[in-house]
Amino acid sequence: MSRQANVFAIEPSCRQYGGPDLGRDSERSTIRVDGSAAYTDITRGSTEGYRFSPGLKP
């Protein structure tokens, strides 16, 4: 993860399951933190915004 002001570049990596020869999968994303409960995905020019809703339960 790298940071520039309130913009972060993240690259999660996860192990793929289902067979002995599957490797890791990763995808680089860039997000802008807009506040304590909101962020915007700015990967490849996108402007998709997300907001945390504490009233919702998984």
N, C-alpha and C. Protein backbone atom coordinates (compact mmCIF):
# COMPACT_ATOMS: atom_id res chain seq x y z
N MET A 1 0.85 -1.17 0.00
CA MET A 1 0.00 0.00 0.00
C MET A 1 0.90 1.23 0.00
N SER A 2 0.58 2.16 -0.85
CA SER A 2 1.28 3.44 -0.83
C SER A 2 0.25 4.54 -0.60
N ARG A 3 0.74 5.69 -0.10
CA ARG A 3 -0.18 6.76 0.25
C ARG A 3 0.35 8.09 -0.27
N GLN A 4 -0.57 8.90 -0.81
CA GLN A 4 -0.25 10.27 -1.21
C GLN A 4 -1.44 11.12 -0.80
N ALA A 5 -1.27 11.94 0.25
CA ALA A 5 -2.36 12.73 0.84
C ALA A 5 -3.47 11.78 1.28
N ASN A 6 -4.67 11.90 0.73
CA ASN A 6 -5.76 11.01 1.10
C ASN A 6 -6.05 9.98 0.00
N VAL A 7 -5.05 9.72 -0.88
CA VAL A 7 -5.20 8.74 -1.96
C VAL A 7 -4.27 7.57 -1.67
N PHE A 8 -4.82 6.36 -1.72
CA PHE A 8 -4.06 5.16 -1.41
C PHE A 8 -4.07 4.21 -2.60
N ALA A 9 -2.93 3.58 -2.87
CA ALA A 9 -2.85 2.51 -3.86
C ALA A 9 -2.76 1.22 -3.08
N ILE A 10 -3.71 0.32 -3.28
CA ILE A 10 -3.75 -0.94 -2.52
C ILE A 10 -3.69 -2.11 -3.49
N GLU A 11 -3.10 -3.20 -3.03
CA GLU A 11 -3.01 -4.39 -3.85
C GLU A 11 -3.25 -5.62 -2.97
N PRO A 12 -4.52 -5.99 -2.77
CA PRO A 12 -4.80 -7.19 -1.98
C PRO A 12 -4.37 -8.44 -2.74
N SER A 13 -3.97 -9.43 -2.02
CA SER A 13 -3.54 -10.68 -2.63
C SER A 13 -4.23 -11.81 -1.88
N CYS A 14 -4.80 -12.74 -2.61
CA CYS A 14 -5.47 -13.85 -1.94
C CYS A 14 -5.10 -15.16 -2.62
N ARG A 15 -5.07 -16.20 -1.85
CA ARG A 15 -4.76 -17.53 -2.36
C ARG A 15 -6.03 -18.13 -2.95
N GLN A 16 -5.93 -18.64 -4.16
CA GLN A 16 -7.06 -19.29 -4.82
C GLN A 16 -7.15 -20.73 -4.35
N TYR A 17 -8.36 -21.21 -4.05
CA TYR A 17 -8.56 -22.57 -3.58
C TYR A 17 -9.26 -23.39 -4.65
N GLY A 18 -9.14 -24.68 -4.57
CA GLY A 18 -9.85 -25.55 -5.49
C GLY A 18 -8.94 -26.52 -6.21
N GLY A 19 -7.66 -26.41 -6.05
CA GLY A 19 -6.75 -27.32 -6.71
C GLY A 19 -5.33 -27.10 -6.24
N PRO A 20 -4.47 -28.06 -6.45
CA PRO A 20 -3.10 -27.95 -5.94
C PRO A 20 -2.22 -26.96 -6.69
N ASP A 21 -2.55 -26.61 -7.93
CA ASP A 21 -1.68 -25.76 -8.74
C ASP A 21 -2.15 -24.32 -8.89
N LEU A 22 -3.17 -23.93 -8.13
CA LEU A 22 -3.66 -22.56 -8.24
C LEU A 22 -2.79 -21.62 -7.42
N GLY A 23 -2.45 -20.50 -7.99
CA GLY A 23 -1.57 -19.55 -7.32
C GLY A 23 -2.33 -18.43 -6.65
N ARG A 24 -1.64 -17.33 -6.49
CA ARG A 24 -2.26 -16.15 -5.87
C ARG A 24 -2.87 -15.27 -6.94
N ASP A 25 -3.87 -14.49 -6.53
CA ASP A 25 -4.52 -13.54 -7.41
C ASP A 25 -4.41 -12.17 -6.75
N SER A 26 -4.10 -11.15 -7.52
CA SER A 26 -4.02 -9.81 -6.96
C SER A 26 -4.54 -8.80 -7.98
N GLU A 27 -5.00 -7.67 -7.47
CA GLU A 27 -5.51 -6.61 -8.32
C GLU A 27 -5.18 -5.28 -7.67
N ARG A 28 -4.56 -4.38 -8.39
CA ARG A 28 -4.20 -3.07 -7.85
C ARG A 28 -5.37 -2.11 -8.00
N SER A 29 -5.68 -1.41 -6.93
CA SER A 29 -6.76 -0.42 -6.93
C SER A 29 -6.23 0.87 -6.33
N THR A 30 -6.85 1.97 -6.69
CA THR A 30 -6.53 3.27 -6.11
C THR A 30 -7.81 3.86 -5.56
N ILE A 31 -7.79 4.24 -4.29
CA ILE A 31 -8.97 4.83 -3.66
C ILE A 31 -8.62 6.18 -3.06
N ARG A 32 -9.62 7.05 -2.98
CA ARG A 32 -9.48 8.34 -2.31
C ARG A 32 -10.39 8.31 -1.10
N VAL A 33 -9.84 8.59 0.08
CA VAL A 33 -10.62 8.61 1.31
C VAL A 33 -11.31 9.97 1.40
N ASP A 34 -12.65 9.94 1.43
CA ASP A 34 -13.43 11.18 1.43
C ASP A 34 -13.90 11.59 2.82
N GLY A 35 -13.71 10.75 3.80
CA GLY A 35 -14.13 11.04 5.16
C GLY A 35 -14.02 9.77 5.98
N SER A 36 -14.48 9.84 7.22
CA SER A 36 -14.34 8.69 8.11
C SER A 36 -15.22 7.51 7.69
N ALA A 37 -16.23 7.75 6.85
CA ALA A 37 -17.14 6.66 6.46
C ALA A 37 -17.36 6.59 4.95
N ALA A 38 -16.48 7.19 4.15
CA ALA A 38 -16.70 7.19 2.70
C ALA A 38 -15.37 7.16 1.95
N TYR A 39 -15.40 6.51 0.79
CA TYR A 39 -14.23 6.54 -0.10
C TYR A 39 -14.71 6.45 -1.54
N THR A 40 -13.84 6.85 -2.46
CA THR A 40 -14.13 6.80 -3.89
C THR A 40 -13.06 5.96 -4.58
N ASP A 41 -13.50 5.02 -5.41
CA ASP A 41 -12.59 4.20 -6.20
C ASP A 41 -12.21 5.02 -7.43
N ILE A 42 -10.93 5.37 -7.55
CA ILE A 42 -10.48 6.17 -8.69
C ILE A 42 -9.57 5.36 -9.62
N THR A 43 -9.69 4.04 -9.55
CA THR A 43 -8.90 3.15 -10.40
C THR A 43 -9.31 3.34 -11.86
N ARG A 44 -8.34 3.56 -12.72
CA ARG A 44 -8.56 3.70 -14.17
C ARG A 44 -9.66 4.73 -14.50
N GLY A 45 -9.68 5.85 -13.79
CA GLY A 45 -10.61 6.93 -14.12
C GLY A 45 -12.01 6.76 -13.58
N SER A 46 -12.28 5.71 -12.82
CA SER A 46 -13.61 5.49 -12.25
C SER A 46 -13.88 6.55 -11.17
N THR A 47 -15.14 6.83 -10.92
CA THR A 47 -15.52 7.75 -9.84
C THR A 47 -16.62 7.14 -8.98
N GLU A 48 -16.57 5.83 -8.82
CA GLU A 48 -17.58 5.10 -8.04
C GLU A 48 -17.35 5.38 -6.55
N GLY A 49 -18.38 5.90 -5.87
CA GLY A 49 -18.27 6.24 -4.45
C GLY A 49 -18.92 5.20 -3.57
N TYR A 50 -18.36 5.01 -2.37
CA TYR A 50 -18.88 4.05 -1.41
C TYR A 50 -18.97 4.71 -0.05
N ARG A 51 -19.97 4.32 0.72
CA ARG A 51 -20.17 4.87 2.06
C ARG A 51 -20.49 3.73 3.02
N PHE A 52 -19.86 3.75 4.20
CA PHE A 52 -20.11 2.77 5.23
C PHE A 52 -21.45 3.06 5.88
N SER A 53 -22.28 2.03 6.03
CA SER A 53 -23.59 2.17 6.67
C SER A 53 -23.60 1.36 7.95
N PRO A 54 -23.36 1.98 9.09
CA PRO A 54 -23.24 1.23 10.33
C PRO A 54 -24.54 0.52 10.76
N GLY A 55 -25.68 0.93 10.24
CA GLY A 55 -26.93 0.30 10.60
C GLY A 55 -27.18 -1.03 9.91
N LEU A 56 -26.42 -1.31 8.85
CA LEU A 56 -26.59 -2.57 8.10
C LEU A 56 -25.74 -3.66 8.72
N LYS A 57 -26.29 -4.85 8.82
CA LYS A 57 -25.54 -5.99 9.37
C LYS A 57 -25.29 -6.99 8.25
N PRO A 58 -24.08 -7.59 8.24
CA PRO A 58 -23.78 -8.57 7.18
C PRO A 58 -24.64 -9.81 7.26
